[in-house]
């Protein structure tokens, strides 16, 4: 019950139910919890899938979605019951640059407006700007920490320019 009500999970491997549409995958946690009436569930599912950019893909099965689209369904599902804590394992790992920025912007907005605690594991140092606290691990041990007093969003055009100016290591 605690997990269903208070914690949202975004798994690296999606864990979507293959026989259910994107809509049904997001709807399921709300139906199990039984907190919302059917009309509210319908509205919430549509709003969540729209927020992650999948308004036109609601009826598609996971096998009909790209990896990035499946990841966005997973994020919408994790947000379904309005959790207090969101645990994210490589939430942008299968996303292209534009979708990475859009999802990180959404997660920052949720963190700041709903005060949802987000704990995220990532290997992408470029999205550190979204975090207020960073913990660096090596071989399962904390090697350093950093505080980020101002969380900022990446600007797509500037970020693409930055990526294009980076040189490959020898």
C-alpha atoms as a PDB file:
ATOM      1  CA  UNK A   1       0.000   0.000   0.000  1.00  0.00           C
ATOM      2  CA  UNK A   2       2.857   2.369   0.855  1.00  0.00           C
ATOM      3  CA  UNK A   3       4.459   1.813  -2.557  1.00  0.00           C
ATOM      4  CA  UNK A   4       1.159   2.250  -4.399  1.00  0.00           C
ATOM      5  CA  UNK A   5       0.284   5.503  -2.639  1.00  0.00           C
ATOM      6  CA  UNK A   6       3.588   7.204  -1.908  1.00  0.00           C
ATOM      7  CA  UNK A   7       6.292   5.973  -4.311  1.00  0.00           C
ATOM      8  CA  UNK A   8       6.522   6.134  -8.088  1.00  0.00           C
ATOM      9  CA  UNK A   9       9.095   3.995  -9.914  1.00  0.00           C
ATOM     10  CA  UNK A  10      10.681   4.549 -13.292  1.00  0.00           C
ATOM     11  CA  UNK A  11      12.599   1.410 -14.173  1.00  0.00           C
ATOM     12  CA  UNK A  12      15.400   1.366 -16.719  1.00  0.00           C
ATOM     13  CA  UNK A  13      13.744  -1.590 -18.458  1.00  0.00           C
ATOM     14  CA  UNK A  14      10.258  -0.001 -18.547  1.00  0.00           C
ATOM     15  CA  UNK A  15       8.309  -2.966 -17.054  1.00  0.00           C
ATOM     16  CA  UNK A  16       5.196  -2.068 -19.020  1.00  0.00           C
ATOM     17  CA  UNK A  17       2.489  -4.698 -19.335  1.00  0.00           C
ATOM     18  CA  UNK A  18       2.799  -5.872 -22.936  1.00  0.00           C
ATOM     19  CA  UNK A  19      -0.892  -6.695 -23.435  1.00  0.00           C
ATOM     20  CA  UNK A  20      -2.075  -3.291 -22.253  1.00  0.00           C
ATOM     21  CA  UNK A  21      -2.058  -0.016 -24.185  1.00  0.00           C
ATOM     22  CA  UNK A  22      -0.129   3.025 -23.029  1.00  0.00           C
ATOM     23  CA  UNK A  23      -3.418   4.363 -21.653  1.00  0.00           C
ATOM     24  CA  UNK A  24      -4.137   1.140 -19.730  1.00  0.00           C
ATOM     25  CA  UNK A  25      -0.594   0.963 -18.329  1.00  0.00           C
ATOM     26  CA  UNK A  26      -0.993   4.454 -16.852  1.00  0.00           C
ATOM     27  CA  UNK A  27      -4.568   3.797 -15.732  1.00  0.00           C
ATOM     28  CA  UNK A  28      -3.766   0.576 -13.845  1.00  0.00           C
ATOM     29  CA  UNK A  29      -2.113   2.019 -10.688  1.00  0.00           C
ATOM     30  CA  UNK A  30      -5.002   4.449 -10.235  1.00  0.00           C
ATOM     31  CA  UNK A  31      -7.558   1.676 -10.658  1.00  0.00           C
ATOM     32  CA  UNK A  32      -5.765  -0.532  -8.122  1.00  0.00           C
ATOM     33  CA  UNK A  33      -5.493   2.317  -5.602  1.00  0.00           C
ATOM     34  CA  UNK A  34      -9.176   3.180  -5.968  1.00  0.00           C
ATOM     35  CA  UNK A  35      -8.646   6.775  -4.847  1.00  0.00           C
ATOM     36  CA  UNK A  36     -10.132   8.447  -7.920  1.00  0.00           C
ATOM     37  CA  UNK A  37     -13.554   8.027  -9.585  1.00  0.00           C
ATOM     38  CA  UNK A  38     -13.470   6.675 -13.175  1.00  0.00           C
ATOM     39  CA  UNK A  39     -14.043  10.116 -14.704  1.00  0.00           C
ATOM     40  CA  UNK A  40     -11.060  11.542 -12.798  1.00  0.00           C
ATOM     41  CA  UNK A  41      -8.884   8.561 -13.770  1.00  0.00           C
ATOM     42  CA  UNK A  42      -9.695   9.134 -17.445  1.00  0.00           C
ATOM     43  CA  UNK A  43      -8.805  12.816 -17.165  1.00  0.00           C
ATOM     44  CA  UNK A  44      -5.571  12.119 -15.248  1.00  0.00           C
ATOM     45  CA  UNK A  45      -4.405   9.454 -17.722  1.00  0.00           C
ATOM     46  CA  UNK A  46      -4.965  11.783 -20.681  1.00  0.00           C
ATOM     47  CA  UNK A  47      -3.215  14.667 -18.888  1.00  0.00           C
ATOM     48  CA  UNK A  48      -0.214  12.520 -17.922  1.00  0.00           C
ATOM     49  CA  UNK A  49       0.245  11.046 -21.386  1.00  0.00           C
ATOM     50  CA  UNK A  50      -0.126  14.505 -22.924  1.00  0.00           C
ATOM     51  CA  UNK A  51       2.465  15.882 -20.473  1.00  0.00           C
ATOM     52  CA  UNK A  52       5.012  13.300 -21.654  1.00  0.00           C
ATOM     53  CA  UNK A  53       4.208  13.969 -25.317  1.00  0.00           C
ATOM     54  CA  UNK A  54       2.157  10.849 -26.059  1.00  0.00           C
ATOM     55  CA  UNK A  55      -1.338  12.219 -26.555  1.00  0.00           C
ATOM     56  CA  UNK A  56      -1.518  10.570 -29.984  1.00  0.00           C
ATOM     57  CA  UNK A  57      -0.089   7.209 -28.854  1.00  0.00           C
ATOM     58  CA  UNK A  58      -2.477   6.331 -25.998  1.00  0.00           C
ATOM     59  CA  UNK A  59      -4.015   3.294 -27.704  1.00  0.00           C
ATOM     60  CA  UNK A  60      -0.693   1.749 -28.739  1.00  0.00           C
ATOM     61  CA  UNK A  61       0.753  -1.369 -27.119  1.00  0.00           C
ATOM     62  CA  UNK A  62       4.336  -1.194 -25.823  1.00  0.00           C
ATOM     63  CA  UNK A  63       5.496  -3.273 -28.814  1.00  0.00           C
ATOM     64  CA  UNK A  64       4.172  -0.514 -31.087  1.00  0.00           C
ATOM     65  CA  UNK A  65       6.150   2.199 -29.298  1.00  0.00           C
ATOM     66  CA  UNK A  66       9.804   3.165 -29.581  1.00  0.00           C
ATOM     67  CA  UNK A  67      12.075   2.742 -26.567  1.00  0.00           C
ATOM     68  CA  UNK A  68      11.817   6.448 -25.821  1.00  0.00           C
ATOM     69  CA  UNK A  69       8.025   6.356 -26.043  1.00  0.00           C
ATOM     70  CA  UNK A  70       7.914   3.355 -23.717  1.00  0.00           C
ATOM     71  CA  UNK A  71      10.099   5.236 -21.248  1.00  0.00           C
ATOM     72  CA  UNK A  72       7.709   8.179 -21.345  1.00  0.00           C
ATOM     73  CA  UNK A  73       4.754   5.851 -20.655  1.00  0.00           C
ATOM     74  CA  UNK A  74       6.732   4.504 -17.704  1.00  0.00           C
ATOM     75  CA  UNK A  75       7.210   8.040 -16.377  1.00  0.00           C
ATOM     76  CA  UNK A  76       3.498   8.832 -16.787  1.00  0.00           C
ATOM     77  CA  UNK A  77       2.615   5.599 -14.964  1.00  0.00           C
ATOM     78  CA  UNK A  78       5.009   6.446 -12.128  1.00  0.00           C
ATOM     79  CA  UNK A  79       3.217   9.782 -11.696  1.00  0.00           C
ATOM     80  CA  UNK A  80      -0.290   8.287 -11.837  1.00  0.00           C
ATOM     81  CA  UNK A  81      -0.993   8.245  -8.093  1.00  0.00           C
ATOM     82  CA  UNK A  82       0.722  11.590  -7.437  1.00  0.00           C
ATOM     83  CA  UNK A  83       3.595  10.073  -5.406  1.00  0.00           C
ATOM     84  CA  UNK A  84       5.549  11.882  -2.714  1.00  0.00           C
ATOM     85  CA  UNK A  85       8.764  10.162  -3.825  1.00  0.00           C
ATOM     86  CA  UNK A  86       9.767   9.337  -7.380  1.00  0.00           C
ATOM     87  CA  UNK A  87      12.597   6.813  -7.870  1.00  0.00           C
ATOM     88  CA  UNK A  88      14.116   6.976 -11.352  1.00  0.00           C
ATOM     89  CA  UNK A  89      16.671   4.592 -12.849  1.00  0.00           C
ATOM     90  CA  UNK A  90      18.177   6.168 -15.991  1.00  0.00           C
ATOM     91  CA  UNK A  91      14.889   7.907 -16.923  1.00  0.00           C
ATOM     92  CA  UNK A  92      16.416   9.508 -20.009  1.00  0.00           C
ATOM     93  CA  UNK A  93      18.612   6.607 -21.106  1.00  0.00           C
ATOM     94  CA  UNK A  94      16.536   5.749 -24.182  1.00  0.00           C
ATOM     95  CA  UNK A  95      15.483   9.268 -25.091  1.00  0.00           C
ATOM     96  CA  UNK A  96      16.830  11.557 -27.768  1.00  0.00           C
ATOM     97  CA  UNK A  97      18.129  14.988 -26.795  1.00  0.00           C
ATOM     98  CA  UNK A  98      14.862  16.884 -27.253  1.00  0.00           C
ATOM     99  CA  UNK A  99      12.839  14.313 -25.281  1.00  0.00           C
ATOM    100  CA  UNK A 100      15.516  14.182 -22.578  1.00  0.00           C
ATOM    101  CA  UNK A 101      15.176  17.919 -22.054  1.00  0.00           C
ATOM    102  CA  UNK A 102      11.364  17.781 -22.130  1.00  0.00           C
ATOM    103  CA  UNK A 103      11.221  14.939 -19.587  1.00  0.00           C
ATOM    104  CA  UNK A 104      13.787  16.574 -17.310  1.00  0.00           C
ATOM    105  CA  UNK A 105      11.846  19.864 -17.525  1.00  0.00           C
ATOM    106  CA  UNK A 106       8.687  17.959 -16.541  1.00  0.00           C
ATOM    107  CA  UNK A 107      10.436  16.240 -13.616  1.00  0.00           C
ATOM    108  CA  UNK A 108      11.850  19.570 -12.403  1.00  0.00           C
ATOM    109  CA  UNK A 109       8.385  21.135 -12.600  1.00  0.00           C
ATOM    110  CA  UNK A 110       6.887  18.249 -10.615  1.00  0.00           C
ATOM    111  CA  UNK A 111       9.662  18.520  -8.054  1.00  0.00           C
ATOM    112  CA  UNK A 112       9.223  22.251  -7.627  1.00  0.00           C
ATOM    113  CA  UNK A 113       5.444  22.615  -7.857  1.00  0.00           C
ATOM    114  CA  UNK A 114       4.250  19.419  -6.186  1.00  0.00           C
ATOM    115  CA  UNK A 115       7.288  19.104  -3.886  1.00  0.00           C
ATOM    116  CA  UNK A 116       7.772  15.515  -5.081  1.00  0.00           C
ATOM    117  CA  UNK A 117      11.156  14.180  -4.006  1.00  0.00           C
ATOM    118  CA  UNK A 118      12.975  12.761  -7.032  1.00  0.00           C
ATOM    119  CA  UNK A 119      15.847  10.339  -6.558  1.00  0.00           C
ATOM    120  CA  UNK A 120      17.493   9.646  -9.881  1.00  0.00           C
ATOM    121  CA  UNK A 121      20.352   7.437 -11.011  1.00  0.00           C
ATOM    122  CA  UNK A 122      22.011   8.537 -14.244  1.00  0.00           C
ATOM    123  CA  UNK A 123      25.269   8.328 -16.122  1.00  0.00           C
ATOM    124  CA  UNK A 124      24.500  11.559 -18.001  1.00  0.00           C
ATOM    125  CA  UNK A 125      26.438  14.411 -16.352  1.00  0.00           C
ATOM    126  CA  UNK A 126      24.778  16.963 -18.639  1.00  0.00           C
ATOM    127  CA  UNK A 127      21.495  16.775 -16.717  1.00  0.00           C
ATOM    128  CA  UNK A 128      23.073  17.512 -13.330  1.00  0.00           C
ATOM    129  CA  UNK A 129      21.779  21.081 -13.661  1.00  0.00           C
ATOM    130  CA  UNK A 130      18.290  19.757 -12.812  1.00  0.00           C
ATOM    131  CA  UNK A 131      19.306  18.376  -9.403  1.00  0.00           C
ATOM    132  CA  UNK A 132      19.607  20.197  -6.105  1.00  0.00           C
ATOM    133  CA  UNK A 133      21.916  17.575  -4.607  1.00  0.00           C
ATOM    134  CA  UNK A 134      24.370  15.308  -6.390  1.00  0.00           C
ATOM    135  CA  UNK A 135      25.954  12.201  -4.949  1.00  0.00           C
ATOM    136  CA  UNK A 136      28.746  10.604  -6.957  1.00  0.00           C
ATOM    137  CA  UNK A 137      29.344   6.877  -6.581  1.00  0.00           C
ATOM    138  CA  UNK A 138      32.202   4.661  -7.623  1.00  0.00           C
ATOM    139  CA  UNK A 139      32.093   0.909  -7.092  1.00  0.00           C
ATOM    140  CA  UNK A 140      29.100   1.295  -4.778  1.00  0.00           C
ATOM    141  CA  UNK A 141      30.725   3.902  -2.529  1.00  0.00           C
ATOM    142  CA  UNK A 142      30.063   7.608  -2.188  1.00  0.00           C
ATOM    143  CA  UNK A 143      33.124   9.463  -3.449  1.00  0.00           C
ATOM    144  CA  UNK A 144      31.790  13.029  -3.359  1.00  0.00           C
ATOM    145  CA  UNK A 145      28.715  15.186  -2.990  1.00  0.00           C
ATOM    146  CA  UNK A 146      27.689  18.558  -4.334  1.00  0.00           C
ATOM    147  CA  UNK A 147      24.830  20.965  -3.723  1.00  0.00           C
ATOM    148  CA  UNK A 148      23.239  22.845  -6.565  1.00  0.00           C
ATOM    149  CA  UNK A 149      21.398  25.819  -5.116  1.00  0.00           C
ATOM    150  CA  UNK A 150      19.700  26.805  -8.378  1.00  0.00           C
ATOM    151  CA  UNK A 151      18.213  24.139 -10.620  1.00  0.00           C
ATOM    152  CA  UNK A 152      18.152  25.157 -14.261  1.00  0.00           C
ATOM    153  CA  UNK A 153      16.641  23.788 -17.424  1.00  0.00           C
ATOM    154  CA  UNK A 154      18.740  23.041 -20.461  1.00  0.00           C
ATOM    155  CA  UNK A 155      17.942  25.164 -23.503  1.00  0.00           C
ATOM    156  CA  UNK A 156      17.700  22.817 -26.470  1.00  0.00           C
ATOM    157  CA  UNK A 157      19.433  24.971 -29.104  1.00  0.00           C
ATOM    158  CA  UNK A 158      22.269  25.945 -26.736  1.00  0.00           C
ATOM    159  CA  UNK A 159      22.697  22.365 -25.581  1.00  0.00           C
ATOM    160  CA  UNK A 160      22.846  21.047 -29.165  1.00  0.00           C
ATOM    161  CA  UNK A 161      25.449  23.706 -29.978  1.00  0.00           C
ATOM    162  CA  UNK A 162      27.461  22.640 -26.920  1.00  0.00           C
ATOM    163  CA  UNK A 163      27.262  18.963 -27.922  1.00  0.00           C
ATOM    164  CA  UNK A 164      28.319  19.759 -31.485  1.00  0.00           C
ATOM    165  CA  UNK A 165      31.383  21.700 -30.300  1.00  0.00           C
ATOM    166  CA  UNK A 166      32.706  18.904 -28.110  1.00  0.00           C
ATOM    167  CA  UNK A 167      35.658  17.047 -29.545  1.00  0.00           C
ATOM    168  CA  UNK A 168      36.078  13.298 -29.342  1.00  0.00           C
ATOM    169  CA  UNK A 169      38.781  12.140 -26.901  1.00  0.00           C
ATOM    170  CA  UNK A 170      41.874  10.600 -28.501  1.00  0.00           C
END
